Amino acid sequence: MSVCPTAPTTREGVRAVIQCAMDIEAGPFLDALGPDARTTAIGQVLRHRQTFTTGTLDGSTVLVVVSGIGLANAASATARALMMVDPDVVIAAGTTGGLAPDVEVGDVVVGTSTTYNDADATAFGYVRGQIPRMPVDHRSPELAVLKAENLSRHVSQRVRVGQVVSGDSFVTAANVGSMRAEFPQALATDMETAALAQVCFGEGVGWVSVRAVSDLCGPRADQDFHMDSTRAARFSYEAVRAYLSI
């Protein structure tokens, strides 16, 4: 079978693709875009629609994406975004669930490695969380890691840098123990980042996740376990802006 190369296309260069699952997470970014912002919607309103808004944020052109919740929505939105623009980095933004016992509500978790928390092909010799024929995990480029490690100097929230895991099932108090046992290094969990990162891996594009913890999957007795999503989304927005300025 012969494989035809993809026809070259001209894509607009942008500073970043900033991808959120929900409107409430994308809201602060969309409000901050300059008057030149323009939106493309793909899909049907009564079924599922994704939006792609290009505009100016702090003097740089960005594409803000609202994907919808879940792995399939995240992957399709990232793929569509990378057909539209040529970004320096793809950023997963918004809210996340705190997984590590010492993560607190309001923390900004910067994911620089990610895997799937419900993928299990260990019967065929793969590592738990690894998709067959894909890397054991997906990792951000070195520059993204260095910027992440400097982010705490630029935001008021506590910043944690490390692994996040993703799946289409919620992690709750009922299953948080097994999740921590399987992924002892994971700081947080969501339903999009690993899929976004896998698409970026295929396209050779750098990625990073910059999300604020809105809920704790298994809080200690002395911990607050929930924060208003609007406030958490604002923390992510502020952290993403700071990250892009470093």
Protein backbone atom coordinates (compact mmCIF):
# COMPACT_ATOMS: atom_id res chain seq x y z
CA MET A 1 0.00 0.00 0.00
CA SER A 2 1.41 3.36 -1.00
CA VAL A 3 1.00 6.38 1.25
CA CYS A 4 0.53 9.78 -0.32
CA PRO A 5 2.12 12.67 1.56
CA THR A 6 -0.23 15.23 2.99
CA ALA A 7 -0.57 18.22 0.71
CA PRO A 8 1.16 21.28 2.18
CA THR A 9 -1.16 23.89 3.60
CA THR A 10 -0.58 27.40 4.86
CA ARG A 11 -1.48 27.74 8.52
CA GLU A 12 -1.38 30.91 10.57
CA GLY A 13 1.41 30.92 13.13
CA VAL A 14 0.12 31.58 16.66
CA ARG A 15 1.72 31.86 20.08
CA ALA A 16 -0.48 29.14 21.54
CA VAL A 17 -3.57 27.04 21.21
CA ILE A 18 -5.39 27.33 24.55
CA GLN A 19 -7.86 24.48 24.82
CA CYS A 20 -10.63 24.25 27.42
CA ALA A 21 -13.35 21.67 27.82
CA MET A 22 -16.11 24.02 28.94
CA ASP A 23 -17.36 27.54 28.22
CA ILE A 24 -16.87 28.52 31.87
CA GLU A 25 -13.16 27.68 31.56
CA ALA A 26 -12.68 29.49 28.26
CA GLY A 27 -14.65 32.56 29.35
CA PRO A 28 -11.78 34.56 30.89
CA PHE A 29 -9.63 34.01 27.80
CA LEU A 30 -12.39 34.98 25.39
CA ASP A 31 -13.19 38.10 27.40
CA ALA A 32 -9.54 39.16 27.20
CA LEU A 33 -9.12 38.77 23.44
CA GLY A 34 -8.79 41.92 21.41
CA PRO A 35 -11.48 43.39 19.15
CA ASP A 36 -10.08 41.48 16.18
CA ALA A 37 -11.23 38.14 17.64
CA ARG A 38 -13.03 35.85 15.20
CA THR A 39 -14.76 32.56 15.91
CA THR A 40 -15.27 29.44 13.83
CA ALA A 41 -17.82 26.89 15.06
CA ILE A 42 -17.75 23.25 13.95
CA GLY A 43 -20.63 20.86 14.59
CA GLN A 44 -24.33 21.16 15.24
CA VAL A 45 -25.78 23.18 18.10
CA LEU A 46 -28.32 20.49 19.02
CA ARG A 47 -25.69 17.73 18.94
CA HIS A 48 -22.18 18.89 19.72
CA ARG A 49 -20.36 22.02 18.63
CA GLN A 50 -16.75 23.06 19.13
CA THR A 51 -15.58 26.66 18.85
CA PHE A 52 -12.24 28.05 17.72
CA THR A 53 -11.58 31.74 18.42
CA THR A 54 -8.50 33.52 17.15
CA GLY A 55 -7.53 36.79 18.80
CA THR A 56 -4.86 38.78 20.57
CA LEU A 57 -3.88 38.05 24.17
CA ASP A 58 -1.21 40.26 25.74
CA GLY A 59 0.08 41.23 22.33
CA SER A 60 0.31 37.69 20.91
CA THR A 61 -2.06 35.82 18.63
CA VAL A 62 -3.69 32.78 20.23
CA LEU A 63 -6.42 30.32 19.33
CA VAL A 64 -8.87 29.62 22.16
CA VAL A 65 -10.69 26.30 21.74
CA VAL A 66 -13.76 24.97 23.54
CA SER A 67 -13.69 21.23 22.92
CA GLY A 68 -16.38 19.71 25.09
CA ILE A 69 -15.71 17.25 27.89
CA GLY A 70 -13.95 13.92 27.41
CA LEU A 71 -11.11 12.25 25.57
CA ALA A 72 -12.74 12.00 22.14
CA ASN A 73 -13.85 15.62 22.19
CA ALA A 74 -10.40 16.76 23.30
CA ALA A 75 -8.60 14.77 20.61
CA SER A 76 -10.90 15.91 17.80
CA ALA A 77 -10.65 19.56 18.86
CA THR A 78 -6.86 19.45 19.06
CA ALA A 79 -6.63 17.83 15.64
CA ARG A 80 -8.93 20.43 14.17
CA ALA A 81 -7.00 23.27 15.80
CA LEU A 82 -3.70 22.00 14.40
CA MET A 83 -5.21 21.98 10.93
CA MET A 84 -6.09 25.65 11.35
CA VAL A 85 -2.97 27.10 12.98
CA ASP A 86 0.70 26.40 13.61
CA PRO A 87 1.23 27.04 17.36
CA ASP A 88 4.37 27.29 19.46
CA VAL A 89 2.58 25.24 22.12
CA VAL A 90 -0.80 23.70 22.89
CA ILE A 91 -2.03 24.42 26.42
CA ALA A 92 -4.73 22.46 28.23
CA ALA A 93 -6.41 25.02 30.49
CA GLY A 94 -9.30 25.11 32.95
CA THR A 95 -10.06 23.05 36.04
CA THR A 96 -8.85 19.71 37.34
CA GLY A 97 -9.40 17.25 40.17
CA GLY A 98 -6.68 17.02 42.78
CA LEU A 99 -5.42 13.43 43.08
CA ALA A 100 -2.23 13.48 45.17
CA PRO A 101 -2.95 13.53 48.93
CA ASP A 102 -1.04 16.79 49.45
CA VAL A 103 -2.65 18.73 46.57
CA GLU A 104 -5.00 21.47 47.73
CA VAL A 105 -8.01 23.19 46.21
CA GLY A 106 -6.79 26.32 44.42
CA ASP A 107 -3.37 24.90 43.53
CA VAL A 108 -2.25 25.34 39.93
CA VAL A 109 -1.13 21.97 38.59
CA VAL A 110 1.16 22.14 35.59
CA GLY A 111 1.10 18.82 33.81
CA THR A 112 4.35 18.05 32.01
CA SER A 113 3.69 14.33 31.62
CA THR A 114 0.42 12.52 31.13
CA THR A 115 -1.08 9.09 30.61
CA TYR A 116 -4.51 7.44 30.56
CA ASN A 117 -5.80 6.41 33.97
CA ASP A 118 -8.17 3.79 32.60
CA ALA A 119 -6.06 2.27 29.78
CA ASP A 120 -4.97 -1.29 30.50
CA ALA A 121 -3.12 -3.31 27.86
CA THR A 122 -0.82 -4.95 30.40
CA ALA A 123 -1.89 -8.39 29.12
CA PHE A 124 0.12 -7.59 25.99
CA GLY A 125 3.20 -6.28 27.77
CA TYR A 126 2.31 -2.60 27.91
CA VAL A 127 2.52 -0.39 30.99
CA ARG A 128 -0.72 0.53 32.77
CA GLY A 129 -2.00 3.73 31.18
CA GLN A 130 -0.14 3.18 27.91
CA ILE A 131 -2.00 2.98 24.62
CA PRO A 132 -0.58 0.18 22.43
CA ARG A 133 2.17 1.41 20.10
CA MET A 134 2.22 4.78 21.83
CA PRO A 135 4.81 6.03 24.37
CA VAL A 136 4.56 4.93 27.99
CA ASP A 137 3.52 8.51 28.69
CA HIS A 138 3.47 11.80 26.82
CA ARG A 139 5.89 14.47 28.00
CA SER A 140 6.19 18.20 27.46
CA PRO A 141 9.33 19.51 25.75
CA GLU A 142 12.24 20.64 27.91
CA LEU A 143 11.51 24.35 27.44
CA ALA A 144 7.93 23.88 28.64
CA VAL A 145 9.19 22.07 31.74
CA LEU A 146 11.67 24.86 32.51
CA LYS A 147 8.96 27.48 32.17
CA ALA A 148 6.65 25.44 34.37
CA GLU A 149 9.28 25.24 37.08
CA ASN A 150 9.57 29.04 37.05
CA LEU A 151 5.84 29.71 37.08
CA SER A 152 5.57 29.93 40.86
CA ARG A 153 7.51 33.20 40.74
CA HIS A 154 4.79 34.78 38.63
CA VAL A 155 1.50 33.71 40.26
CA SER A 156 0.10 33.93 43.77
CA GLN A 157 -1.28 30.38 43.84
CA ARG A 158 0.85 27.41 44.81
CA VAL A 159 2.19 25.66 41.71
CA ARG A 160 2.77 21.93 41.44
CA VAL A 161 4.59 20.47 38.42
CA GLY A 162 4.44 16.84 37.36
CA GLN A 163 2.18 14.11 36.04
CA VAL A 164 -1.54 14.34 35.35
CA VAL A 165 -3.72 11.42 34.29
CA SER A 166 -6.84 11.43 32.13
CA GLY A 167 -9.80 9.17 31.54
CA ASP A 168 -13.48 9.11 30.70
CA SER A 169 -14.44 8.07 34.24
CA PHE A 170 -14.58 10.36 37.27
CA VAL A 171 -12.20 9.67 40.13
CA THR A 172 -14.08 9.84 43.43
CA ALA A 173 -13.55 8.83 47.05
CA ALA A 174 -14.72 5.33 46.06
CA ASN A 175 -11.85 4.66 43.65
CA VAL A 176 -9.19 7.24 44.55
CA GLY A 177 -7.20 4.70 46.58
CA SER A 178 -6.65 2.35 43.66
CA MET A 179 -5.91 5.28 41.35
CA ARG A 180 -3.20 6.57 43.68
CA ALA A 181 -1.75 3.07 43.92
CA GLU A 182 -1.61 2.68 40.14
CA PHE A 183 -0.27 6.19 39.51
CA PRO A 184 1.64 7.25 42.64
CA GLN A 185 3.28 10.25 40.93
CA ALA A 186 0.06 11.73 39.56
CA LEU A 187 -0.90 15.13 40.96
CA ALA A 188 -4.28 15.57 39.30
CA THR A 189 -6.80 13.98 36.98
CA ASP A 190 -9.00 15.26 34.18
CA MET A 191 -10.84 14.00 31.13
CA GLU A 192 -8.87 15.64 28.30
CA THR A 193 -5.13 16.21 28.71
CA ALA A 194 -3.78 12.80 27.69
CA ALA A 195 -5.82 12.81 24.48
CA LEU A 196 -4.67 16.35 23.65
CA ALA A 197 -1.06 15.33 24.30
CA GLN A 198 -1.35 12.22 22.13
CA VAL A 199 -2.51 14.30 19.17
CA CYS A 200 0.35 16.73 19.78
CA PHE A 201 2.79 13.81 19.88
CA GLY A 202 1.58 12.65 16.48
CA GLU A 203 2.01 16.12 15.03
CA GLY A 204 5.33 16.90 16.73
CA VAL A 205 3.88 19.88 18.62
CA GLY A 206 4.79 20.77 22.20
CA TRP A 207 2.09 20.79 24.86
CA VAL A 208 1.59 21.57 28.56
CA SER A 209 -1.38 21.49 30.93
CA VAL A 210 -2.01 24.50 33.20
CA ARG A 211 -5.10 23.86 35.29
CA ALA A 212 -6.38 24.92 38.70
CA VAL A 213 -7.67 22.39 41.20
CA SER A 214 -11.41 22.87 41.73
CA ASP A 215 -12.13 19.58 43.52
CA LEU A 216 -10.25 16.94 45.48
CA CYS A 217 -10.80 13.31 44.54
CA GLY A 218 -10.13 12.09 48.07
CA PRO A 219 -9.70 14.93 50.57
CA ARG A 220 -8.33 14.56 54.08
CA ALA A 221 -10.63 15.43 56.95
CA ASP A 222 -9.06 18.88 57.34
CA GLN A 223 -9.15 19.85 53.67
CA ASP A 224 -11.61 21.96 51.74
CA PHE A 225 -12.71 19.74 48.88
CA HIS A 226 -14.41 22.10 46.44
CA MET A 227 -13.94 25.54 44.91
CA ASP A 228 -16.32 27.48 42.72
CA SER A 229 -15.48 26.54 39.13
CA THR A 230 -15.54 30.15 37.98
CA ARG A 231 -12.87 31.06 40.52
CA ALA A 232 -10.72 28.04 39.65
CA ALA A 233 -11.02 28.85 35.95
CA ARG A 234 -9.78 32.35 36.73
CA PHE A 235 -6.72 30.91 38.48
CA SER A 236 -5.95 28.82 35.39
CA TYR A 237 -6.39 31.85 33.14
CA GLU A 238 -3.98 33.93 35.24
CA ALA A 239 -1.45 31.09 35.30
CA VAL A 240 -1.63 30.56 31.53
CA ARG A 241 -1.05 34.24 30.91
CA ALA A 242 1.93 34.18 33.28
CA TYR A 243 3.28 31.02 31.63
CA LEU A 244 3.15 32.65 28.18
CA SER A 245 5.00 35.69 29.49
CA ILE A 246 8.00 33.72 30.79
